């Protein structure tokens, strides 16, 4: 009787292990169709600002769900392939995006200072 229980317990453990392994394999095979911006940036190796530029120019398909912007993974794959053919330098694109952001910050500070001076002169 003890042998039967041990064999039954081992059988249940083996089935559980096989089910767990099958579940892990199926999780790895599933790739979401839509990606959030940080996930898309990690997936593609591109910076977020470059992705936003591509979305803004219409080269990359995205949509907004509530407050969340998501990118179509298939569109992202096609975009990456088209960029490889064109030989774009992602480092230069990232540096350009950083410079543009810095210019916008400086311009905002200048505008705020001018408004403050104008308010003080009145």
C-alpha atoms as a PDB file:
ATOM      1  CA  UNK A   1       0.000   0.000   0.000  1.00  0.00           C
ATOM      2  CA  UNK A   2       2.835   2.389   0.791  1.00  0.00           C
ATOM      3  CA  UNK A   3       4.453   1.677  -2.577  1.00  0.00           C
ATOM      4  CA  UNK A   4       1.193   2.564  -4.316  1.00  0.00           C
ATOM      5  CA  UNK A   5       0.955   5.900  -2.479  1.00  0.00           C
ATOM      6  CA  UNK A   6       4.596   6.743  -3.225  1.00  0.00           C
ATOM      7  CA  UNK A   7       4.157   5.902  -6.902  1.00  0.00           C
ATOM      8  CA  UNK A   8       0.967   7.967  -7.033  1.00  0.00           C
ATOM      9  CA  UNK A   9       2.683  10.915  -5.326  1.00  0.00           C
ATOM     10  CA  UNK A  10       5.631  10.728  -7.737  1.00  0.00           C
ATOM     11  CA  UNK A  11       3.247  10.582 -10.667  1.00  0.00           C
ATOM     12  CA  UNK A  12       1.414  13.693  -9.456  1.00  0.00           C
ATOM     13  CA  UNK A  13       4.722  15.545  -8.962  1.00  0.00           C
ATOM     14  CA  UNK A  14       5.869  14.613 -12.478  1.00  0.00           C
ATOM     15  CA  UNK A  15       2.602  15.841 -13.974  1.00  0.00           C
ATOM     16  CA  UNK A  16       2.878  19.096 -12.010  1.00  0.00           C
ATOM     17  CA  UNK A  17       6.460  19.613 -13.204  1.00  0.00           C
ATOM     18  CA  UNK A  18       5.481  18.923 -16.811  1.00  0.00           C
ATOM     19  CA  UNK A  19       2.544  21.351 -16.565  1.00  0.00           C
ATOM     20  CA  UNK A  20       4.797  24.031 -15.072  1.00  0.00           C
ATOM     21  CA  UNK A  21       7.380  23.562 -17.827  1.00  0.00           C
ATOM     22  CA  UNK A  22       4.678  23.711 -20.511  1.00  0.00           C
ATOM     23  CA  UNK A  23       3.290  26.902 -18.968  1.00  0.00           C
ATOM     24  CA  UNK A  24       6.744  28.512 -18.917  1.00  0.00           C
ATOM     25  CA  UNK A  25       7.286  27.596 -22.589  1.00  0.00           C
ATOM     26  CA  UNK A  26       3.919  29.050 -23.567  1.00  0.00           C
ATOM     27  CA  UNK A  27       4.680  32.280 -21.680  1.00  0.00           C
ATOM     28  CA  UNK A  28       7.929  32.657 -23.596  1.00  0.00           C
ATOM     29  CA  UNK A  29       6.165  32.108 -26.916  1.00  0.00           C
ATOM     30  CA  UNK A  30       3.585  34.846 -26.260  1.00  0.00           C
ATOM     31  CA  UNK A  31       4.600  38.276 -27.472  1.00  0.00           C
ATOM     32  CA  UNK A  32       2.191  41.125 -26.925  1.00  0.00           C
ATOM     33  CA  UNK A  33       0.968  42.947 -30.044  1.00  0.00           C
ATOM     34  CA  UNK A  34       0.958  46.372 -28.359  1.00  0.00           C
ATOM     35  CA  UNK A  35       3.832  47.723 -26.258  1.00  0.00           C
ATOM     36  CA  UNK A  36       3.995  50.624 -23.829  1.00  0.00           C
ATOM     37  CA  UNK A  37       6.613  53.254 -24.643  1.00  0.00           C
ATOM     38  CA  UNK A  38       9.267  52.098 -22.112  1.00  0.00           C
ATOM     39  CA  UNK A  39       8.813  48.481 -23.219  1.00  0.00           C
ATOM     40  CA  UNK A  40       9.034  49.474 -26.895  1.00  0.00           C
ATOM     41  CA  UNK A  41      12.204  51.458 -26.172  1.00  0.00           C
ATOM     42  CA  UNK A  42      13.761  48.464 -24.422  1.00  0.00           C
ATOM     43  CA  UNK A  43      12.557  46.061 -27.134  1.00  0.00           C
ATOM     44  CA  UNK A  44      13.947  48.180 -29.981  1.00  0.00           C
ATOM     45  CA  UNK A  45      17.010  49.655 -28.300  1.00  0.00           C
ATOM     46  CA  UNK A  46      15.801  53.139 -29.320  1.00  0.00           C
ATOM     47  CA  UNK A  47      15.314  56.007 -26.916  1.00  0.00           C
ATOM     48  CA  UNK A  48      11.804  57.084 -26.003  1.00  0.00           C
ATOM     49  CA  UNK A  49      12.182  60.524 -27.562  1.00  0.00           C
ATOM     50  CA  UNK A  50      13.131  58.963 -30.897  1.00  0.00           C
ATOM     51  CA  UNK A  51      10.043  56.750 -30.719  1.00  0.00           C
ATOM     52  CA  UNK A  52       7.879  59.801 -29.989  1.00  0.00           C
ATOM     53  CA  UNK A  53       9.402  61.565 -33.016  1.00  0.00           C
ATOM     54  CA  UNK A  54       8.650  58.551 -35.211  1.00  0.00           C
ATOM     55  CA  UNK A  55       5.066  58.436 -33.915  1.00  0.00           C
ATOM     56  CA  UNK A  56       4.663  62.163 -34.502  1.00  0.00           C
ATOM     57  CA  UNK A  57       5.873  61.872 -38.082  1.00  0.00           C
ATOM     58  CA  UNK A  58       3.501  58.961 -38.733  1.00  0.00           C
ATOM     59  CA  UNK A  59       6.293  56.442 -39.356  1.00  0.00           C
ATOM     60  CA  UNK A  60       5.317  54.389 -36.328  1.00  0.00           C
ATOM     61  CA  UNK A  61       1.778  53.194 -35.588  1.00  0.00           C
ATOM     62  CA  UNK A  62       0.551  53.931 -32.092  1.00  0.00           C
ATOM     63  CA  UNK A  63      -2.658  54.652 -30.248  1.00  0.00           C
ATOM     64  CA  UNK A  64      -3.753  56.011 -26.942  1.00  0.00           C
ATOM     65  CA  UNK A  65      -5.760  53.843 -24.565  1.00  0.00           C
ATOM     66  CA  UNK A  66      -6.963  56.061 -21.754  1.00  0.00           C
ATOM     67  CA  UNK A  67      -3.838  57.899 -20.669  1.00  0.00           C
ATOM     68  CA  UNK A  68      -1.432  55.239 -21.933  1.00  0.00           C
ATOM     69  CA  UNK A  69       0.300  55.476 -25.321  1.00  0.00           C
ATOM     70  CA  UNK A  70       0.985  52.066 -26.884  1.00  0.00           C
ATOM     71  CA  UNK A  71       2.940  51.116 -30.008  1.00  0.00           C
ATOM     72  CA  UNK A  72       2.065  48.339 -32.438  1.00  0.00           C
ATOM     73  CA  UNK A  73       4.917  45.799 -32.199  1.00  0.00           C
ATOM     74  CA  UNK A  74       4.551  44.774 -35.843  1.00  0.00           C
ATOM     75  CA  UNK A  75       4.787  48.405 -36.907  1.00  0.00           C
ATOM     76  CA  UNK A  76       7.839  48.807 -34.663  1.00  0.00           C
ATOM     77  CA  UNK A  77       9.496  45.760 -36.250  1.00  0.00           C
ATOM     78  CA  UNK A  78       8.833  47.172 -39.739  1.00  0.00           C
ATOM     79  CA  UNK A  79      10.120  50.579 -38.652  1.00  0.00           C
ATOM     80  CA  UNK A  80      13.325  49.029 -37.295  1.00  0.00           C
ATOM     81  CA  UNK A  81      13.853  47.134 -40.547  1.00  0.00           C
ATOM     82  CA  UNK A  82      13.340  50.295 -42.602  1.00  0.00           C
ATOM     83  CA  UNK A  83      15.794  52.208 -40.396  1.00  0.00           C
ATOM     84  CA  UNK A  84      18.456  49.523 -40.771  1.00  0.00           C
ATOM     85  CA  UNK A  85      18.205  49.872 -44.538  1.00  0.00           C
ATOM     86  CA  UNK A  86      18.585  53.644 -44.274  1.00  0.00           C
ATOM     87  CA  UNK A  87      21.526  53.409 -41.889  1.00  0.00           C
ATOM     88  CA  UNK A  88      20.189  55.831 -39.262  1.00  0.00           C
ATOM     89  CA  UNK A  89      22.473  56.550 -36.338  1.00  0.00           C
ATOM     90  CA  UNK A  90      20.408  56.152 -33.162  1.00  0.00           C
ATOM     91  CA  UNK A  91      23.114  57.758 -31.024  1.00  0.00           C
ATOM     92  CA  UNK A  92      22.966  60.929 -33.123  1.00  0.00           C
ATOM     93  CA  UNK A  93      19.167  60.885 -33.044  1.00  0.00           C
ATOM     94  CA  UNK A  94      19.209  60.588 -29.253  1.00  0.00           C
ATOM     95  CA  UNK A  95      21.737  63.420 -28.930  1.00  0.00           C
ATOM     96  CA  UNK A  96      19.601  65.601 -31.210  1.00  0.00           C
ATOM     97  CA  UNK A  97      16.494  64.882 -29.120  1.00  0.00           C
ATOM     98  CA  UNK A  98      18.398  65.806 -25.925  1.00  0.00           C
ATOM     99  CA  UNK A  99      19.583  69.082 -27.474  1.00  0.00           C
ATOM    100  CA  UNK A 100      16.038  69.942 -28.529  1.00  0.00           C
ATOM    101  CA  UNK A 101      14.733  69.221 -25.026  1.00  0.00           C
ATOM    102  CA  UNK A 102      17.485  71.398 -23.500  1.00  0.00           C
ATOM    103  CA  UNK A 103      16.610  74.243 -25.890  1.00  0.00           C
ATOM    104  CA  UNK A 104      12.958  73.992 -24.884  1.00  0.00           C
ATOM    105  CA  UNK A 105      13.898  74.140 -21.180  1.00  0.00           C
ATOM    106  CA  UNK A 106      16.131  77.184 -21.735  1.00  0.00           C
ATOM    107  CA  UNK A 107      13.429  78.919 -23.748  1.00  0.00           C
ATOM    108  CA  UNK A 108      10.899  78.251 -20.968  1.00  0.00           C
ATOM    109  CA  UNK A 109      13.278  79.782 -18.395  1.00  0.00           C
ATOM    110  CA  UNK A 110      13.876  82.838 -20.596  1.00  0.00           C
ATOM    111  CA  UNK A 111      10.140  83.302 -21.112  1.00  0.00           C
ATOM    112  CA  UNK A 112       9.490  82.988 -17.369  1.00  0.00           C
ATOM    113  CA  UNK A 113      12.245  85.522 -16.568  1.00  0.00           C
ATOM    114  CA  UNK A 114      10.889  87.986 -19.125  1.00  0.00           C
ATOM    115  CA  UNK A 115       7.407  87.631 -17.700  1.00  0.00           C
ATOM    116  CA  UNK A 116       8.755  88.187 -14.182  1.00  0.00           C
ATOM    117  CA  UNK A 117      10.664  91.323 -15.290  1.00  0.00           C
ATOM    118  CA  UNK A 118       7.590  92.632 -17.072  1.00  0.00           C
ATOM    119  CA  UNK A 119       5.469  92.060 -13.959  1.00  0.00           C
ATOM    120  CA  UNK A 120       8.054  93.866 -11.771  1.00  0.00           C
ATOM    121  CA  UNK A 121       8.225  96.861 -14.115  1.00  0.00           C
ATOM    122  CA  UNK A 122       4.454  97.390 -13.890  1.00  0.00           C
END
